[in-house]
Amino acid sequence: MNNSTFTTQGGIKIEKSITPLDAEHALDKIYQYIDTKKGALFVSNYEVPDRYSRWDLGFVHPALELIARKRQFEINALNPNGTR
């Protein structure tokens, strides 16, 4: 696992952690929970050699939720990590 942290000019602390996964099974946990828990799955199958590559990005149990309705916008903490 590769971890790093940095603080933005505005004082926001960013913590990043990268865990290598087996590509064939990387999204198994996302598929297991995405229909019953909060989260998202984004997939791009568009590929152009030397320019664009395919990618998948997913998460469940997020720390925050962002809600936009008409001209209103909310940010809500969903767990203790969302309040830090």
N, C-alpha and C. Protein backbone atom coordinates (compact mmCIF):
# COMPACT_ATOMS: atom_id res chain seq x y z
N MET A 1 0.85 -1.16 0.00
CA MET A 1 0.00 0.00 0.00
C MET A 1 0.90 1.23 0.00
N ASN A 2 0.51 2.25 -0.74
CA ASN A 2 1.26 3.49 -0.85
C ASN A 2 0.41 4.61 -0.25
N ASN A 3 0.90 5.25 0.82
CA ASN A 3 0.17 6.33 1.48
C ASN A 3 0.93 7.64 1.34
N SER A 4 0.19 8.73 1.22
CA SER A 4 0.81 10.05 1.24
C SER A 4 -0.21 11.07 1.73
N THR A 5 0.28 12.18 2.26
CA THR A 5 -0.59 13.26 2.72
C THR A 5 -0.01 14.59 2.27
N PHE A 6 -0.88 15.57 2.09
CA PHE A 6 -0.43 16.93 1.83
C PHE A 6 -1.54 17.88 2.26
N THR A 7 -1.19 19.13 2.43
CA THR A 7 -2.15 20.15 2.84
C THR A 7 -2.24 21.19 1.74
N THR A 8 -3.45 21.54 1.33
CA THR A 8 -3.66 22.53 0.28
C THR A 8 -3.33 23.92 0.81
N GLN A 9 -3.22 24.89 -0.09
CA GLN A 9 -2.97 26.27 0.33
C GLN A 9 -4.10 26.79 1.21
N GLY A 10 -5.30 26.25 1.04
CA GLY A 10 -6.44 26.66 1.86
C GLY A 10 -6.50 25.95 3.20
N GLY A 11 -5.53 25.08 3.49
CA GLY A 11 -5.47 24.41 4.78
C GLY A 11 -6.21 23.09 4.86
N ILE A 12 -6.64 22.54 3.73
CA ILE A 12 -7.34 21.26 3.73
C ILE A 12 -6.32 20.13 3.64
N LYS A 13 -6.39 19.21 4.59
CA LYS A 13 -5.45 18.08 4.62
C LYS A 13 -5.99 16.96 3.73
N ILE A 14 -5.19 16.49 2.80
CA ILE A 14 -5.55 15.42 1.88
C ILE A 14 -4.75 14.18 2.25
N GLU A 15 -5.44 13.06 2.45
CA GLU A 15 -4.79 11.78 2.71
C GLU A 15 -5.10 10.85 1.55
N LYS A 16 -4.06 10.30 0.94
CA LYS A 16 -4.24 9.42 -0.22
C LYS A 16 -3.62 8.07 0.08
N SER A 17 -4.33 7.02 -0.28
CA SER A 17 -3.80 5.68 -0.10
C SER A 17 -4.09 4.87 -1.36
N ILE A 18 -3.07 4.23 -1.89
CA ILE A 18 -3.20 3.43 -3.10
C ILE A 18 -2.92 1.97 -2.75
N THR A 19 -3.86 1.10 -3.09
CA THR A 19 -3.70 -0.33 -2.85
C THR A 19 -3.78 -1.06 -4.18
N PRO A 20 -2.72 -1.74 -4.60
CA PRO A 20 -2.77 -2.49 -5.86
C PRO A 20 -3.83 -3.60 -5.77
N LEU A 21 -4.58 -3.78 -6.84
CA LEU A 21 -5.63 -4.80 -6.89
C LEU A 21 -5.47 -5.65 -8.15
N ASP A 22 -5.95 -6.86 -8.07
CA ASP A 22 -6.03 -7.73 -9.24
C ASP A 22 -7.12 -7.17 -10.15
N ALA A 23 -6.78 -6.77 -11.36
CA ALA A 23 -7.72 -6.10 -12.25
C ALA A 23 -8.99 -6.92 -12.49
N GLU A 24 -8.87 -8.23 -12.54
CA GLU A 24 -10.03 -9.07 -12.83
C GLU A 24 -11.08 -9.01 -11.71
N HIS A 25 -10.64 -8.79 -10.47
CA HIS A 25 -11.56 -8.81 -9.33
C HIS A 25 -11.65 -7.47 -8.60
N ALA A 26 -11.09 -6.42 -9.17
CA ALA A 26 -11.00 -5.14 -8.48
C ALA A 26 -12.35 -4.54 -8.12
N LEU A 27 -13.38 -4.79 -8.91
CA LEU A 27 -14.69 -4.18 -8.65
C LEU A 27 -15.68 -5.13 -7.98
N ASP A 28 -15.25 -6.31 -7.60
CA ASP A 28 -16.17 -7.29 -7.01
C ASP A 28 -16.92 -6.74 -5.80
N LYS A 29 -16.24 -6.06 -4.88
CA LYS A 29 -16.90 -5.51 -3.69
C LYS A 29 -17.87 -4.39 -4.07
N ILE A 30 -17.51 -3.60 -5.08
CA ILE A 30 -18.41 -2.54 -5.53
C ILE A 30 -19.69 -3.16 -6.07
N TYR A 31 -19.58 -4.17 -6.93
CA TYR A 31 -20.76 -4.84 -7.48
C TYR A 31 -21.62 -5.45 -6.37
N GLN A 32 -20.98 -5.95 -5.32
CA GLN A 32 -21.70 -6.59 -4.23
C GLN A 32 -22.59 -5.60 -3.47
N TYR A 33 -22.14 -4.36 -3.32
CA TYR A 33 -22.85 -3.40 -2.46
C TYR A 33 -23.53 -2.24 -3.19
N ILE A 34 -23.23 -2.00 -4.44
CA ILE A 34 -23.67 -0.77 -5.10
C ILE A 34 -25.20 -0.63 -5.17
N ASP A 35 -25.93 -1.71 -5.19
CA ASP A 35 -27.39 -1.62 -5.27
C ASP A 35 -28.06 -1.39 -3.92
N THR A 36 -27.36 -1.62 -2.82
CA THR A 36 -27.98 -1.51 -1.49
C THR A 36 -27.34 -0.46 -0.60
N LYS A 37 -26.19 0.07 -0.96
CA LYS A 37 -25.48 1.08 -0.16
C LYS A 37 -25.24 2.32 -1.00
N LYS A 38 -25.00 3.44 -0.33
CA LYS A 38 -24.66 4.66 -1.07
C LYS A 38 -23.28 4.50 -1.69
N GLY A 39 -23.13 5.05 -2.88
CA GLY A 39 -21.86 4.96 -3.59
C GLY A 39 -22.05 5.29 -5.05
N ALA A 40 -21.03 5.03 -5.84
CA ALA A 40 -21.10 5.32 -7.27
C ALA A 40 -20.13 4.40 -8.02
N LEU A 41 -20.44 4.18 -9.29
CA LEU A 41 -19.55 3.42 -10.17
C LEU A 41 -19.52 4.15 -11.51
N PHE A 42 -18.33 4.57 -11.91
CA PHE A 42 -18.13 5.26 -13.18
C PHE A 42 -17.24 4.38 -14.06
N VAL A 43 -17.63 4.21 -15.32
CA VAL A 43 -16.90 3.33 -16.23
C VAL A 43 -16.77 4.02 -17.59
N SER A 44 -15.57 4.00 -18.16
CA SER A 44 -15.37 4.49 -19.51
C SER A 44 -14.79 3.36 -20.35
N ASN A 45 -15.50 2.98 -21.39
CA ASN A 45 -15.01 1.95 -22.30
C ASN A 45 -14.45 2.55 -23.58
N TYR A 46 -14.29 3.87 -23.58
CA TYR A 46 -13.76 4.57 -24.75
C TYR A 46 -12.25 4.45 -24.77
N GLU A 47 -11.70 4.01 -25.89
CA GLU A 47 -10.26 3.82 -25.96
C GLU A 47 -9.73 4.26 -27.32
N VAL A 48 -8.68 5.06 -27.29
CA VAL A 48 -7.95 5.47 -28.49
C VAL A 48 -6.47 5.25 -28.17
N PRO A 49 -5.77 4.43 -28.93
CA PRO A 49 -4.37 4.14 -28.63
C PRO A 49 -3.54 5.42 -28.47
N ASP A 50 -2.70 5.43 -27.46
CA ASP A 50 -1.80 6.55 -27.15
C ASP A 50 -2.53 7.83 -26.77
N ARG A 51 -3.83 7.75 -26.52
CA ARG A 51 -4.55 8.96 -26.16
C ARG A 51 -5.49 8.74 -24.98
N TYR A 52 -6.47 7.86 -25.12
CA TYR A 52 -7.43 7.58 -24.06
C TYR A 52 -7.39 6.10 -23.73
N SER A 53 -7.53 5.79 -22.46
CA SER A 53 -7.59 4.39 -22.06
C SER A 53 -8.88 4.12 -21.30
N ARG A 54 -9.24 2.87 -21.23
CA ARG A 54 -10.43 2.48 -20.47
C ARG A 54 -10.14 2.60 -18.98
N TRP A 55 -11.17 2.93 -18.21
CA TRP A 55 -10.99 3.02 -16.76
C TRP A 55 -12.30 2.74 -16.05
N ASP A 56 -12.19 2.35 -14.79
CA ASP A 56 -13.33 2.12 -13.90
C ASP A 56 -12.99 2.77 -12.57
N LEU A 57 -13.96 3.43 -11.97
CA LEU A 57 -13.78 4.07 -10.67
C LEU A 57 -15.05 3.86 -9.88
N GLY A 58 -14.93 3.28 -8.69
CA GLY A 58 -16.12 3.05 -7.88
C GLY A 58 -15.83 3.15 -6.41
N PHE A 59 -16.88 3.43 -5.63
CA PHE A 59 -16.75 3.47 -4.18
C PHE A 59 -18.11 3.21 -3.54
N VAL A 60 -18.09 2.69 -2.32
CA VAL A 60 -19.30 2.54 -1.50
C VAL A 60 -18.97 3.05 -0.10
N HIS A 61 -20.00 3.32 0.68
CA HIS A 61 -19.85 3.85 2.04
C HIS A 61 -19.03 5.15 2.04
N PRO A 62 -19.41 6.16 1.27
CA PRO A 62 -18.62 7.40 1.25
C PRO A 62 -18.72 8.16 2.57
N ALA A 63 -17.71 8.98 2.83
CA ALA A 63 -17.70 9.80 4.04
C ALA A 63 -18.66 10.98 3.91
N LEU A 64 -18.86 11.46 2.70
CA LEU A 64 -19.72 12.62 2.44
C LEU A 64 -20.72 12.31 1.35
N GLU A 65 -21.85 13.01 1.38
CA GLU A 65 -22.76 12.99 0.24
C GLU A 65 -22.97 14.42 -0.22
N LEU A 66 -23.03 14.60 -1.52
CA LEU A 66 -23.28 15.90 -2.13
C LEU A 66 -24.65 15.84 -2.77
N ILE A 67 -25.52 16.79 -2.41
CA ILE A 67 -26.88 16.81 -2.94
C ILE A 67 -27.13 18.16 -3.59
N ALA A 68 -27.54 18.14 -4.85
CA ALA A 68 -27.88 19.37 -5.57
C ALA A 68 -29.32 19.26 -6.06
N ARG A 69 -30.13 20.25 -5.68
CA ARG A 69 -31.52 20.33 -6.14
C ARG A 69 -31.79 21.76 -6.56
N LYS A 70 -32.09 21.92 -7.83
CA LYS A 70 -32.33 23.25 -8.39
C LYS A 70 -31.19 24.18 -7.99
N ARG A 71 -31.45 25.21 -7.16
CA ARG A 71 -30.41 26.16 -6.79
C ARG A 71 -29.87 25.92 -5.38
N GLN A 72 -30.16 24.76 -4.82
CA GLN A 72 -29.68 24.43 -3.48
C GLN A 72 -28.59 23.35 -3.57
N PHE A 73 -27.65 23.43 -2.64
CA PHE A 73 -26.55 22.48 -2.61
C PHE A 73 -26.27 22.12 -1.16
N GLU A 74 -26.14 20.82 -0.86
CA GLU A 74 -25.86 20.36 0.50
C GLU A 74 -24.65 19.43 0.49
N ILE A 75 -23.90 19.50 1.57
CA ILE A 75 -22.83 18.53 1.84
C ILE A 75 -23.13 17.95 3.21
N ASN A 76 -23.32 16.63 3.28
CA ASN A 76 -23.65 15.97 4.54
C ASN A 76 -22.61 14.92 4.89
N ALA A 77 -22.21 14.88 6.16
CA ALA A 77 -21.31 13.84 6.65
C ALA A 77 -22.12 12.57 6.87
N LEU A 78 -21.65 11.44 6.35
CA LEU A 78 -22.34 10.17 6.50
C LEU A 78 -21.70 9.26 7.54
N ASN A 79 -20.50 9.61 7.98
CA ASN A 79 -19.81 8.85 9.02
C ASN A 79 -18.76 9.76 9.66
N PRO A 80 -18.09 9.34 10.71
CA PRO A 80 -17.12 10.20 11.38
C PRO A 80 -16.01 10.75 10.47
N ASN A 81 -15.63 10.00 9.44
CA ASN A 81 -14.61 10.52 8.52
C ASN A 81 -15.09 11.75 7.77
N GLY A 82 -16.39 11.91 7.62
CA GLY A 82 -16.94 13.07 6.93
C GLY A 82 -16.95 14.33 7.77
N THR A 83 -16.61 14.23 9.04
CA THR A 83 -16.61 15.41 9.91
C THR A 83 -15.20 15.92 10.18
N ARG A 84 -14.19 15.23 9.69
CA ARG A 84 -12.82 15.68 9.94
C ARG A 84 -12.43 16.79 9.02
